[in-house]
N, C-alpha and C. Protein backbone atom coordinates (compact mmCIF):
# COMPACT_ATOMS: atom_id res chain seq x y z
N MET A 1 -110.52 -26.69 -159.36
CA MET A 1 -109.54 -25.59 -159.66
C MET A 1 -109.66 -24.54 -158.59
N SER A 2 -110.86 -24.33 -157.96
CA SER A 2 -111.07 -23.25 -157.07
C SER A 2 -110.18 -23.42 -155.84
N ALA A 3 -109.88 -24.58 -155.47
CA ALA A 3 -108.98 -24.81 -154.30
C ALA A 3 -107.63 -24.14 -154.51
N SER A 4 -107.21 -24.00 -155.71
CA SER A 4 -105.86 -23.41 -156.01
C SER A 4 -105.82 -21.96 -155.73
N TYR A 5 -106.92 -21.25 -155.93
CA TYR A 5 -106.90 -19.78 -155.72
C TYR A 5 -107.58 -19.45 -154.38
N ASN A 6 -108.11 -20.38 -153.70
CA ASN A 6 -108.71 -20.04 -152.35
C ASN A 6 -107.54 -19.70 -151.36
N HIS A 7 -106.30 -20.02 -151.69
CA HIS A 7 -105.21 -19.62 -150.83
C HIS A 7 -105.09 -18.08 -150.77
N PHE A 8 -105.54 -17.37 -151.82
CA PHE A 8 -105.46 -15.93 -151.79
C PHE A 8 -106.35 -15.31 -150.77
N LEU A 9 -107.34 -16.07 -150.21
CA LEU A 9 -108.26 -15.51 -149.20
C LEU A 9 -107.39 -15.21 -147.89
N LYS A 10 -106.28 -15.88 -147.79
CA LYS A 10 -105.42 -15.75 -146.55
C LYS A 10 -104.58 -14.37 -146.71
N ILE A 11 -104.69 -13.70 -147.77
CA ILE A 11 -103.91 -12.46 -147.95
C ILE A 11 -104.92 -11.25 -147.64
N SER A 12 -104.51 -10.55 -146.62
CA SER A 12 -105.48 -9.55 -146.06
C SER A 12 -105.59 -8.28 -146.82
N HIS A 13 -104.49 -7.83 -147.48
CA HIS A 13 -104.58 -6.57 -148.16
C HIS A 13 -104.38 -6.76 -149.69
N ILE A 14 -105.15 -5.91 -150.44
CA ILE A 14 -105.05 -6.01 -151.91
C ILE A 14 -103.59 -5.73 -152.43
N SER A 15 -102.96 -4.79 -151.71
CA SER A 15 -101.56 -4.54 -152.25
C SER A 15 -100.65 -5.72 -152.09
N ALA A 16 -100.90 -6.55 -151.04
CA ALA A 16 -100.13 -7.71 -150.78
C ALA A 16 -100.44 -8.74 -151.95
N ILE A 17 -101.73 -8.80 -152.40
CA ILE A 17 -102.05 -9.63 -153.50
C ILE A 17 -101.29 -9.26 -154.74
N TYR A 18 -101.36 -7.93 -155.09
CA TYR A 18 -100.54 -7.45 -156.19
C TYR A 18 -99.13 -7.82 -156.13
N GLU A 19 -98.49 -7.64 -154.95
CA GLU A 19 -97.10 -7.98 -154.73
C GLU A 19 -96.90 -9.47 -154.96
N PHE A 20 -97.77 -10.28 -154.43
CA PHE A 20 -97.58 -11.76 -154.62
C PHE A 20 -97.68 -12.05 -156.12
N LEU A 21 -98.65 -11.55 -156.80
CA LEU A 21 -98.85 -11.85 -158.25
C LEU A 21 -97.57 -11.48 -159.03
N HIS A 22 -97.04 -10.37 -158.72
CA HIS A 22 -95.84 -9.94 -159.50
C HIS A 22 -94.63 -10.77 -159.13
N HIS A 23 -94.55 -11.23 -157.91
CA HIS A 23 -93.45 -12.16 -157.51
C HIS A 23 -93.69 -13.50 -158.28
N CYS A 24 -94.90 -13.93 -158.43
CA CYS A 24 -95.18 -15.25 -159.22
C CYS A 24 -94.74 -15.10 -160.60
N VAL A 25 -94.93 -13.85 -161.22
CA VAL A 25 -94.53 -13.65 -162.66
C VAL A 25 -92.98 -13.58 -162.61
N ASP A 26 -92.36 -12.89 -161.70
CA ASP A 26 -90.92 -12.84 -161.67
C ASP A 26 -90.32 -14.22 -161.58
N ASP A 27 -90.97 -15.11 -160.79
CA ASP A 27 -90.48 -16.52 -160.74
C ASP A 27 -90.63 -17.20 -162.07
N LEU A 28 -91.77 -16.99 -162.75
CA LEU A 28 -92.09 -17.61 -163.97
C LEU A 28 -91.10 -17.19 -165.08
N ILE A 29 -90.69 -15.92 -165.14
CA ILE A 29 -89.84 -15.45 -166.16
C ILE A 29 -88.37 -15.58 -165.69
N GLU A 30 -88.13 -16.17 -164.58
CA GLU A 30 -86.81 -16.44 -164.02
C GLU A 30 -86.02 -15.17 -163.67
N LYS A 31 -86.76 -14.08 -163.28
CA LYS A 31 -86.17 -12.85 -162.87
C LYS A 31 -85.72 -13.01 -161.45
N SER A 32 -86.54 -13.64 -160.64
CA SER A 32 -86.15 -13.95 -159.26
C SER A 32 -87.05 -15.15 -158.79
N ASN A 33 -86.64 -15.82 -157.82
CA ASN A 33 -87.36 -16.93 -157.32
C ASN A 33 -88.40 -16.56 -156.22
N THR A 34 -89.57 -17.17 -156.29
CA THR A 34 -90.58 -16.92 -155.21
C THR A 34 -90.04 -17.55 -153.94
N ASN A 35 -89.98 -16.82 -152.93
CA ASN A 35 -89.45 -17.30 -151.72
C ASN A 35 -90.50 -17.26 -150.60
N PHE A 36 -90.80 -18.49 -150.10
CA PHE A 36 -91.82 -18.59 -149.09
C PHE A 36 -91.63 -17.63 -147.92
N GLU A 37 -90.42 -17.41 -147.56
CA GLU A 37 -90.17 -16.53 -146.37
C GLU A 37 -90.65 -15.15 -146.58
N ASN A 38 -90.79 -14.67 -147.84
CA ASN A 38 -91.36 -13.37 -148.12
C ASN A 38 -92.80 -13.22 -147.79
N TYR A 39 -93.49 -14.37 -147.73
CA TYR A 39 -94.96 -14.33 -147.57
C TYR A 39 -95.41 -14.81 -146.18
N TYR A 40 -94.52 -14.97 -145.28
CA TYR A 40 -94.83 -15.45 -143.95
C TYR A 40 -94.80 -14.20 -143.03
N ASN A 41 -95.75 -13.34 -143.14
CA ASN A 41 -95.78 -12.17 -142.29
C ASN A 41 -97.34 -11.78 -142.04
N GLY A 42 -97.60 -10.59 -141.50
CA GLY A 42 -98.87 -10.22 -141.13
C GLY A 42 -99.88 -10.08 -142.20
N ASP A 43 -99.44 -9.59 -143.41
CA ASP A 43 -100.35 -9.36 -144.52
C ASP A 43 -100.68 -10.64 -145.24
N ILE A 44 -99.73 -11.60 -145.24
CA ILE A 44 -99.92 -12.86 -145.96
C ILE A 44 -99.71 -13.99 -145.02
N GLU A 45 -100.69 -14.74 -144.74
CA GLU A 45 -100.66 -15.85 -143.87
C GLU A 45 -100.65 -17.20 -144.61
N LEU A 46 -99.77 -17.39 -145.52
CA LEU A 46 -99.71 -18.62 -146.35
C LEU A 46 -98.69 -19.57 -145.71
N THR A 47 -99.15 -20.84 -145.68
CA THR A 47 -98.12 -21.85 -145.40
C THR A 47 -97.31 -22.07 -146.62
N GLN A 48 -96.18 -22.80 -146.50
CA GLN A 48 -95.36 -23.05 -147.64
C GLN A 48 -96.13 -23.75 -148.84
N GLU A 49 -96.96 -24.73 -148.40
CA GLU A 49 -97.76 -25.46 -149.39
C GLU A 49 -98.75 -24.52 -150.06
N ASP A 50 -99.42 -23.65 -149.30
CA ASP A 50 -100.37 -22.66 -149.82
C ASP A 50 -99.65 -21.80 -150.80
N CYS A 51 -98.52 -21.31 -150.44
CA CYS A 51 -97.71 -20.45 -151.33
C CYS A 51 -97.40 -21.06 -152.60
N GLU A 52 -96.93 -22.30 -152.51
CA GLU A 52 -96.54 -23.03 -153.78
C GLU A 52 -97.73 -23.30 -154.67
N LYS A 53 -98.86 -23.70 -154.04
CA LYS A 53 -100.05 -23.97 -154.81
C LYS A 53 -100.67 -22.67 -155.48
N ALA A 54 -100.67 -21.65 -154.77
CA ALA A 54 -101.12 -20.30 -155.32
C ALA A 54 -100.21 -19.85 -156.41
N CYS A 55 -98.94 -19.95 -156.22
CA CYS A 55 -98.00 -19.55 -157.28
C CYS A 55 -98.11 -20.39 -158.49
N SER A 56 -98.24 -21.68 -158.30
CA SER A 56 -98.37 -22.56 -159.38
C SER A 56 -99.67 -22.30 -160.19
N PHE A 57 -100.73 -22.03 -159.46
CA PHE A 57 -102.02 -21.72 -160.12
C PHE A 57 -101.88 -20.49 -161.04
N ILE A 58 -101.26 -19.34 -160.46
CA ILE A 58 -101.16 -18.17 -161.14
C ILE A 58 -100.17 -18.32 -162.36
N GLN A 59 -99.08 -19.00 -162.17
CA GLN A 59 -98.16 -19.27 -163.23
C GLN A 59 -98.81 -20.03 -164.37
N ASN A 60 -99.49 -21.12 -164.03
CA ASN A 60 -100.17 -21.86 -165.12
C ASN A 60 -101.29 -21.10 -165.79
N LEU A 61 -102.05 -20.28 -165.03
CA LEU A 61 -103.08 -19.50 -165.59
C LEU A 61 -102.49 -18.47 -166.58
N TYR A 62 -101.42 -17.75 -166.26
CA TYR A 62 -100.76 -16.81 -167.02
C TYR A 62 -100.11 -17.47 -168.26
N ARG A 63 -99.52 -18.60 -168.09
CA ARG A 63 -98.84 -19.33 -169.16
C ARG A 63 -99.85 -19.69 -170.26
N VAL A 64 -100.96 -20.31 -169.80
CA VAL A 64 -101.99 -20.69 -170.79
C VAL A 64 -102.60 -19.44 -171.41
N SER A 65 -102.86 -18.42 -170.64
CA SER A 65 -103.51 -17.24 -171.16
C SER A 65 -102.63 -16.56 -172.20
N VAL A 66 -101.40 -16.52 -172.04
CA VAL A 66 -100.49 -15.94 -173.03
C VAL A 66 -100.46 -16.76 -174.30
N MET A 67 -100.40 -18.05 -174.12
CA MET A 67 -100.37 -18.98 -175.36
C MET A 67 -101.69 -18.90 -176.11
N GLU A 68 -102.78 -18.74 -175.40
CA GLU A 68 -104.07 -18.67 -176.11
C GLU A 68 -104.46 -17.19 -176.34
N ASN A 69 -103.63 -16.20 -175.91
CA ASN A 69 -103.97 -14.82 -176.07
C ASN A 69 -105.33 -14.41 -175.52
N HIS A 70 -105.67 -15.01 -174.41
CA HIS A 70 -106.97 -14.70 -173.76
C HIS A 70 -106.85 -15.14 -172.34
N LEU A 71 -107.18 -14.14 -171.43
CA LEU A 71 -107.18 -14.49 -169.99
C LEU A 71 -108.59 -14.95 -169.60
N LYS A 72 -108.74 -16.25 -169.20
CA LYS A 72 -109.94 -16.87 -168.76
C LYS A 72 -109.88 -17.21 -167.29
N LEU A 73 -110.65 -16.39 -166.50
CA LEU A 73 -110.57 -16.51 -165.06
C LEU A 73 -111.76 -17.46 -164.65
N PRO A 74 -111.60 -18.19 -163.61
CA PRO A 74 -112.71 -18.95 -163.04
C PRO A 74 -113.84 -18.03 -162.59
N GLY A 75 -115.03 -18.46 -162.91
CA GLY A 75 -116.24 -17.62 -162.62
C GLY A 75 -116.50 -17.33 -161.18
N ASP A 76 -116.11 -18.18 -160.24
CA ASP A 76 -116.38 -18.04 -158.91
C ASP A 76 -115.26 -17.33 -158.10
N MET A 77 -114.31 -16.74 -158.87
CA MET A 77 -113.24 -15.98 -158.21
C MET A 77 -113.78 -14.62 -157.74
N SER A 78 -113.38 -14.10 -156.58
CA SER A 78 -113.92 -12.76 -156.20
C SER A 78 -113.59 -11.69 -157.13
N THR A 79 -114.40 -10.59 -157.14
CA THR A 79 -114.19 -9.48 -158.01
C THR A 79 -112.74 -8.84 -157.80
N ASN A 80 -112.42 -8.61 -156.50
CA ASN A 80 -111.19 -7.98 -156.22
C ASN A 80 -110.00 -8.81 -156.71
N LEU A 81 -110.09 -10.14 -156.52
CA LEU A 81 -109.06 -11.02 -157.00
C LEU A 81 -108.96 -11.03 -158.53
N GLN A 82 -110.17 -11.04 -159.19
CA GLN A 82 -110.14 -11.00 -160.72
C GLN A 82 -109.55 -9.73 -161.16
N GLU A 83 -109.87 -8.67 -160.59
CA GLU A 83 -109.23 -7.31 -160.99
C GLU A 83 -107.74 -7.35 -160.83
N ALA A 84 -107.28 -7.88 -159.71
CA ALA A 84 -105.81 -7.96 -159.43
C ALA A 84 -105.11 -8.81 -160.42
N VAL A 85 -105.70 -10.04 -160.67
CA VAL A 85 -105.11 -10.99 -161.55
C VAL A 85 -105.05 -10.37 -162.96
N THR A 86 -106.15 -9.76 -163.33
CA THR A 86 -106.22 -9.13 -164.71
C THR A 86 -105.26 -7.99 -164.85
N HIS A 87 -105.27 -7.14 -163.88
CA HIS A 87 -104.29 -6.04 -163.95
C HIS A 87 -102.88 -6.47 -164.03
N CYS A 88 -102.40 -7.39 -163.22
CA CYS A 88 -101.07 -7.91 -163.30
C CYS A 88 -100.82 -8.58 -164.65
N TYR A 89 -101.77 -9.34 -165.14
CA TYR A 89 -101.58 -9.98 -166.46
C TYR A 89 -101.40 -9.04 -167.51
N MET A 90 -102.17 -7.91 -167.57
CA MET A 90 -102.01 -6.96 -168.57
C MET A 90 -100.67 -6.23 -168.55
N ILE A 91 -100.19 -5.97 -167.33
CA ILE A 91 -98.92 -5.33 -167.15
C ILE A 91 -97.73 -6.25 -167.59
N ARG A 92 -97.83 -7.56 -167.29
CA ARG A 92 -96.75 -8.45 -167.39
C ARG A 92 -96.83 -9.39 -168.57
N LYS A 93 -97.85 -9.21 -169.42
CA LYS A 93 -98.14 -10.23 -170.50
C LYS A 93 -96.94 -10.28 -171.47
N ASN A 94 -96.29 -9.15 -171.74
CA ASN A 94 -95.15 -9.18 -172.73
C ASN A 94 -93.95 -9.93 -172.05
N ASP A 95 -93.76 -9.64 -170.83
CA ASP A 95 -92.66 -10.38 -170.14
C ASP A 95 -92.87 -11.90 -170.12
N ILE A 96 -94.01 -12.35 -169.89
CA ILE A 96 -94.40 -13.75 -169.85
C ILE A 96 -94.24 -14.33 -171.30
N PHE A 97 -94.66 -13.56 -172.24
CA PHE A 97 -94.53 -14.08 -173.69
C PHE A 97 -93.02 -14.23 -174.04
N GLN A 98 -92.21 -13.26 -173.70
CA GLN A 98 -90.78 -13.29 -173.96
C GLN A 98 -90.17 -14.54 -173.26
N ALA A 99 -90.55 -14.79 -172.03
CA ALA A 99 -89.95 -15.90 -171.34
C ALA A 99 -90.37 -17.25 -171.91
N LEU A 100 -91.67 -17.31 -172.35
CA LEU A 100 -92.16 -18.57 -173.06
C LEU A 100 -91.47 -18.74 -174.33
N ALA A 101 -91.31 -17.68 -175.05
CA ALA A 101 -90.64 -17.85 -176.38
C ALA A 101 -89.16 -18.26 -176.19
N ARG A 102 -88.50 -17.60 -175.15
CA ARG A 102 -87.14 -17.98 -174.93
C ARG A 102 -87.02 -19.47 -174.52
N ASP A 103 -87.87 -19.96 -173.65
CA ASP A 103 -87.86 -21.34 -173.27
C ASP A 103 -88.08 -22.25 -174.42
N TYR A 104 -88.99 -21.87 -175.32
CA TYR A 104 -89.35 -22.69 -176.49
C TYR A 104 -88.09 -22.74 -177.43
N ILE A 105 -87.45 -21.66 -177.64
CA ILE A 105 -86.31 -21.65 -178.57
C ILE A 105 -85.17 -22.49 -178.04
N LEU A 106 -84.93 -22.33 -176.67
CA LEU A 106 -83.82 -23.01 -176.05
C LEU A 106 -84.14 -24.65 -176.07
N GLN A 107 -85.37 -24.97 -175.85
CA GLN A 107 -85.81 -26.37 -175.87
C GLN A 107 -85.57 -27.03 -177.17
N LYS A 108 -85.64 -26.27 -178.26
CA LYS A 108 -85.49 -26.80 -179.57
C LYS A 108 -83.99 -26.76 -180.01
N ASP A 109 -83.08 -26.62 -179.02
CA ASP A 109 -81.67 -26.58 -179.24
C ASP A 109 -81.18 -25.49 -180.24
N HIS A 110 -81.88 -24.41 -180.28
CA HIS A 110 -81.49 -23.27 -181.07
C HIS A 110 -80.70 -22.28 -180.27
N ASN A 111 -79.80 -21.48 -180.95
CA ASN A 111 -79.15 -20.38 -180.30
C ASN A 111 -80.17 -19.26 -180.03
N LEU A 112 -80.01 -18.64 -178.92
CA LEU A 112 -80.91 -17.49 -178.58
C LEU A 112 -80.04 -16.25 -178.35
N VAL A 113 -80.37 -15.17 -179.11
CA VAL A 113 -79.65 -13.90 -178.91
C VAL A 113 -80.35 -13.17 -177.74
N ASN A 114 -79.62 -13.02 -176.69
CA ASN A 114 -80.21 -12.39 -175.42
C ASN A 114 -80.03 -10.92 -175.49
N ASN A 115 -78.96 -10.43 -176.07
CA ASN A 115 -78.62 -8.94 -176.11
C ASN A 115 -77.72 -8.67 -177.24
N VAL A 116 -77.90 -7.44 -177.75
CA VAL A 116 -76.99 -6.97 -178.80
C VAL A 116 -76.32 -5.74 -178.39
N ASP A 117 -74.97 -5.68 -178.46
CA ASP A 117 -74.20 -4.45 -178.23
C ASP A 117 -73.60 -3.99 -179.60
N TRP A 118 -73.57 -2.75 -179.85
CA TRP A 118 -72.91 -2.36 -181.08
C TRP A 118 -72.20 -0.97 -180.85
N ARG A 119 -71.22 -0.82 -181.68
CA ARG A 119 -70.40 0.39 -181.71
C ARG A 119 -70.13 0.77 -183.18
N LEU A 120 -70.26 2.06 -183.44
CA LEU A 120 -70.00 2.54 -184.80
C LEU A 120 -68.66 3.28 -184.75
N LYS A 121 -67.77 2.93 -185.66
CA LYS A 121 -66.46 3.64 -185.68
C LYS A 121 -66.15 4.01 -187.17
N TRP A 122 -65.36 5.05 -187.35
CA TRP A 122 -64.95 5.47 -188.60
C TRP A 122 -63.54 5.01 -188.89
N VAL A 123 -63.31 4.45 -190.03
CA VAL A 123 -61.97 4.00 -190.39
C VAL A 123 -61.44 5.02 -191.41
N LEU A 124 -60.30 5.63 -190.99
CA LEU A 124 -59.71 6.62 -191.85
C LEU A 124 -58.91 5.91 -193.00
N GLY A 125 -58.79 6.55 -194.13
CA GLY A 125 -57.97 6.09 -195.18
C GLY A 125 -56.54 6.23 -194.95
N SER A 126 -55.75 6.04 -195.93
CA SER A 126 -54.26 6.28 -195.69
C SER A 126 -53.89 7.71 -195.49
N SER A 127 -52.74 8.00 -195.11
CA SER A 127 -52.37 9.38 -194.82
C SER A 127 -52.54 10.31 -195.92
N SER A 128 -52.39 9.78 -197.17
CA SER A 128 -52.55 10.73 -198.36
C SER A 128 -54.05 10.90 -198.63
N LEU A 129 -54.92 10.03 -198.12
CA LEU A 129 -56.33 10.20 -198.32
C LEU A 129 -57.08 10.37 -196.98
N ALA A 130 -56.51 11.17 -196.12
CA ALA A 130 -57.02 11.35 -194.74
C ALA A 130 -58.50 11.79 -194.73
N THR A 131 -59.00 12.42 -195.75
CA THR A 131 -60.34 12.81 -195.70
C THR A 131 -61.33 11.76 -196.06
N LEU A 132 -60.85 10.63 -196.55
CA LEU A 132 -61.65 9.51 -196.92
C LEU A 132 -61.89 8.51 -195.69
N HIS A 133 -63.09 8.42 -195.21
CA HIS A 133 -63.24 7.48 -194.14
C HIS A 133 -64.58 6.75 -194.45
N SER A 134 -64.68 5.58 -193.83
CA SER A 134 -65.90 4.81 -194.01
C SER A 134 -66.38 4.25 -192.70
N PRO A 135 -67.67 4.18 -192.52
CA PRO A 135 -68.15 3.64 -191.18
C PRO A 135 -68.00 2.19 -191.10
N LEU A 136 -67.74 1.59 -189.92
CA LEU A 136 -67.64 0.21 -189.68
C LEU A 136 -68.44 -0.02 -188.36
N LEU A 137 -69.28 -1.00 -188.41
CA LEU A 137 -70.09 -1.37 -187.27
C LEU A 137 -69.53 -2.56 -186.63
N GLN A 138 -69.26 -2.48 -185.31
CA GLN A 138 -68.82 -3.63 -184.51
C GLN A 138 -70.11 -4.10 -183.74
N VAL A 139 -70.35 -5.37 -183.83
CA VAL A 139 -71.57 -5.97 -183.20
C VAL A 139 -71.12 -7.10 -182.26
N ASP A 140 -71.70 -7.17 -181.08
CA ASP A 140 -71.50 -8.20 -180.18
C ASP A 140 -72.83 -8.86 -179.93
N LEU A 141 -73.09 -10.10 -180.29
CA LEU A 141 -74.30 -10.88 -180.03
C LEU A 141 -74.09 -11.73 -178.79
N HIS A 142 -74.78 -11.44 -177.74
CA HIS A 142 -74.67 -12.23 -176.47
C HIS A 142 -75.76 -13.29 -176.60
N CYS A 143 -75.33 -14.63 -176.71
CA CYS A 143 -76.24 -15.75 -177.05
C CYS A 143 -76.20 -16.80 -175.84
N SER A 144 -77.21 -17.53 -175.87
CA SER A 144 -77.44 -18.67 -175.02
C SER A 144 -77.87 -19.93 -175.82
N LYS A 145 -77.46 -21.12 -175.37
CA LYS A 145 -77.87 -22.39 -175.95
C LYS A 145 -77.93 -23.37 -174.82
N LYS A 146 -78.94 -24.17 -174.87
CA LYS A 146 -79.09 -25.24 -173.87
C LYS A 146 -78.18 -26.38 -174.23
N ASN A 147 -77.45 -26.88 -173.25
CA ASN A 147 -76.61 -28.05 -173.42
C ASN A 147 -76.98 -29.02 -172.28
N GLY A 148 -77.94 -29.90 -172.53
CA GLY A 148 -78.44 -30.83 -171.42
C GLY A 148 -79.22 -29.92 -170.52
N ASP A 149 -78.89 -29.94 -169.21
CA ASP A 149 -79.54 -29.12 -168.24
C ASP A 149 -78.84 -27.77 -168.05
N ASP A 150 -77.65 -27.63 -168.65
CA ASP A 150 -76.89 -26.38 -168.50
C ASP A 150 -77.27 -25.37 -169.59
N LEU A 151 -77.13 -24.14 -169.19
CA LEU A 151 -77.34 -23.04 -170.17
C LEU A 151 -75.88 -22.46 -170.47
N MET A 152 -75.56 -22.64 -171.72
CA MET A 152 -74.26 -22.14 -172.12
C MET A 152 -74.41 -20.78 -172.74
N LYS A 153 -73.49 -19.87 -172.33
CA LYS A 153 -73.63 -18.51 -172.81
C LYS A 153 -72.25 -18.19 -173.53
N ASN A 154 -72.35 -17.55 -174.69
CA ASN A 154 -71.22 -17.07 -175.45
C ASN A 154 -71.54 -15.82 -176.15
N THR A 155 -70.46 -15.20 -176.70
CA THR A 155 -70.60 -13.92 -177.40
C THR A 155 -70.02 -14.07 -178.76
N ILE A 156 -70.77 -13.65 -179.77
CA ILE A 156 -70.31 -13.65 -181.19
C ILE A 156 -70.04 -12.27 -181.52
N ASN A 157 -68.82 -11.94 -182.03
CA ASN A 157 -68.42 -10.64 -182.45
C ASN A 157 -68.17 -10.64 -183.95
N PHE A 158 -68.57 -9.48 -184.51
CA PHE A 158 -68.31 -9.32 -185.99
C PHE A 158 -68.28 -7.81 -186.31
N GLU A 159 -67.66 -7.51 -187.53
CA GLU A 159 -67.73 -6.17 -187.98
C GLU A 159 -68.39 -6.14 -189.32
N ALA A 160 -69.01 -5.01 -189.66
CA ALA A 160 -69.77 -4.96 -190.86
C ALA A 160 -69.61 -3.58 -191.55
N ASP A 161 -69.55 -3.51 -192.82
CA ASP A 161 -69.58 -2.23 -193.52
C ASP A 161 -71.01 -1.86 -193.88
N LEU A 162 -71.18 -0.67 -194.48
CA LEU A 162 -72.55 -0.29 -194.82
C LEU A 162 -73.33 -1.22 -195.70
N GLN A 163 -72.72 -1.84 -196.64
CA GLN A 163 -73.44 -2.83 -197.53
C GLN A 163 -73.86 -4.06 -196.69
N GLN A 164 -72.99 -4.55 -195.90
CA GLN A 164 -73.34 -5.71 -195.06
C GLN A 164 -74.50 -5.33 -194.09
N ILE A 165 -74.43 -4.16 -193.54
CA ILE A 165 -75.51 -3.70 -192.61
C ILE A 165 -76.80 -3.60 -193.32
N ASP A 166 -76.74 -3.06 -194.57
CA ASP A 166 -78.06 -2.87 -195.31
C ASP A 166 -78.58 -4.28 -195.63
N ASN A 167 -77.71 -5.23 -196.01
CA ASN A 167 -78.18 -6.70 -196.23
C ASN A 167 -78.73 -7.23 -194.99
N LEU A 168 -78.13 -7.07 -193.79
CA LEU A 168 -78.69 -7.56 -192.60
C LEU A 168 -80.01 -6.98 -192.24
N LEU A 169 -80.11 -5.72 -192.34
CA LEU A 169 -81.36 -5.00 -192.07
C LEU A 169 -82.55 -5.50 -192.98
N MET A 170 -82.20 -5.73 -194.24
CA MET A 170 -83.24 -6.22 -195.19
C MET A 170 -83.70 -7.60 -194.83
N GLU A 171 -82.78 -8.48 -194.45
CA GLU A 171 -83.15 -9.77 -194.04
C GLU A 171 -83.92 -9.76 -192.72
N LEU A 172 -83.60 -8.98 -191.76
CA LEU A 172 -84.38 -8.79 -190.56
C LEU A 172 -85.79 -8.33 -190.78
N ILE A 173 -85.90 -7.29 -191.80
CA ILE A 173 -87.25 -6.77 -192.10
C ILE A 173 -88.09 -7.90 -192.77
N GLN A 174 -87.43 -8.64 -193.68
CA GLN A 174 -88.14 -9.73 -194.30
C GLN A 174 -88.55 -10.90 -193.31
N PHE A 175 -87.69 -11.18 -192.34
CA PHE A 175 -88.01 -12.10 -191.28
C PHE A 175 -89.25 -11.64 -190.45
N GLN A 176 -89.18 -10.30 -190.13
CA GLN A 176 -90.29 -9.72 -189.30
C GLN A 176 -91.60 -9.81 -190.03
N LYS A 177 -91.63 -9.58 -191.33
CA LYS A 177 -92.87 -9.66 -192.18
C LYS A 177 -93.33 -11.13 -192.16
N GLU A 178 -92.46 -12.09 -192.28
CA GLU A 178 -92.83 -13.45 -192.31
C GLU A 178 -93.31 -13.95 -190.94
N PHE A 179 -92.75 -13.28 -189.85
CA PHE A 179 -93.18 -13.71 -188.50
C PHE A 179 -94.49 -13.23 -188.07
N HIS A 180 -94.84 -12.02 -188.67
CA HIS A 180 -96.16 -11.45 -188.31
C HIS A 180 -97.10 -11.87 -189.34
C-alpha cells in the first residue's frame, strides 16, 4: 500500500499537497474531474500514472474512512502527509458522505431529491370576502434517477395548504427519528 502514497513525495510544497487532496475529493464527489495537466508543473512532478495512483489511493482511503467512520492512515506515512490527509478529510468528510449516499440511492434505482425550491403565496378569497386569505405553498422537487448508465433528471411540482404541510413535516420528522 505504501507505493500508492509514495507518489506524494514528488510534491514539493505542502500547499500543493492540500490542493491535490481537495482536487481528489472534488473528483470523488463529481464536482470536477482531476486533470493530470493541472499537476504537471514545478510544484508537482507527477507523471500521469503517478497522478492516477495517488488520486485513487486518496479516494479509496476517504471512501472507506467515511463508511467506517474512522480515518486509518498507514503507519509509515510521513507526519506532514498524515496531517494534510487528516485535515482535508475532516473538512470534506460530509461532502464525501453525501456523494456516497447519493451513489448508493441511485444504484438501488430510487429517486433522489437533489434540490427543493419553494414559494409561499397567499390566495385571496372571493371579492366579497377579500379579507379572507390562506397560505399556499408551491414546491419544486428537483430529482434524479439512474436509467442504465444515464442519469435522468426531472422536476416534480405540487402545491400544499397548511394541513398538508403539517402532515409532510410530521412525516419528515418521523423519518429523521427512524434514520438516526
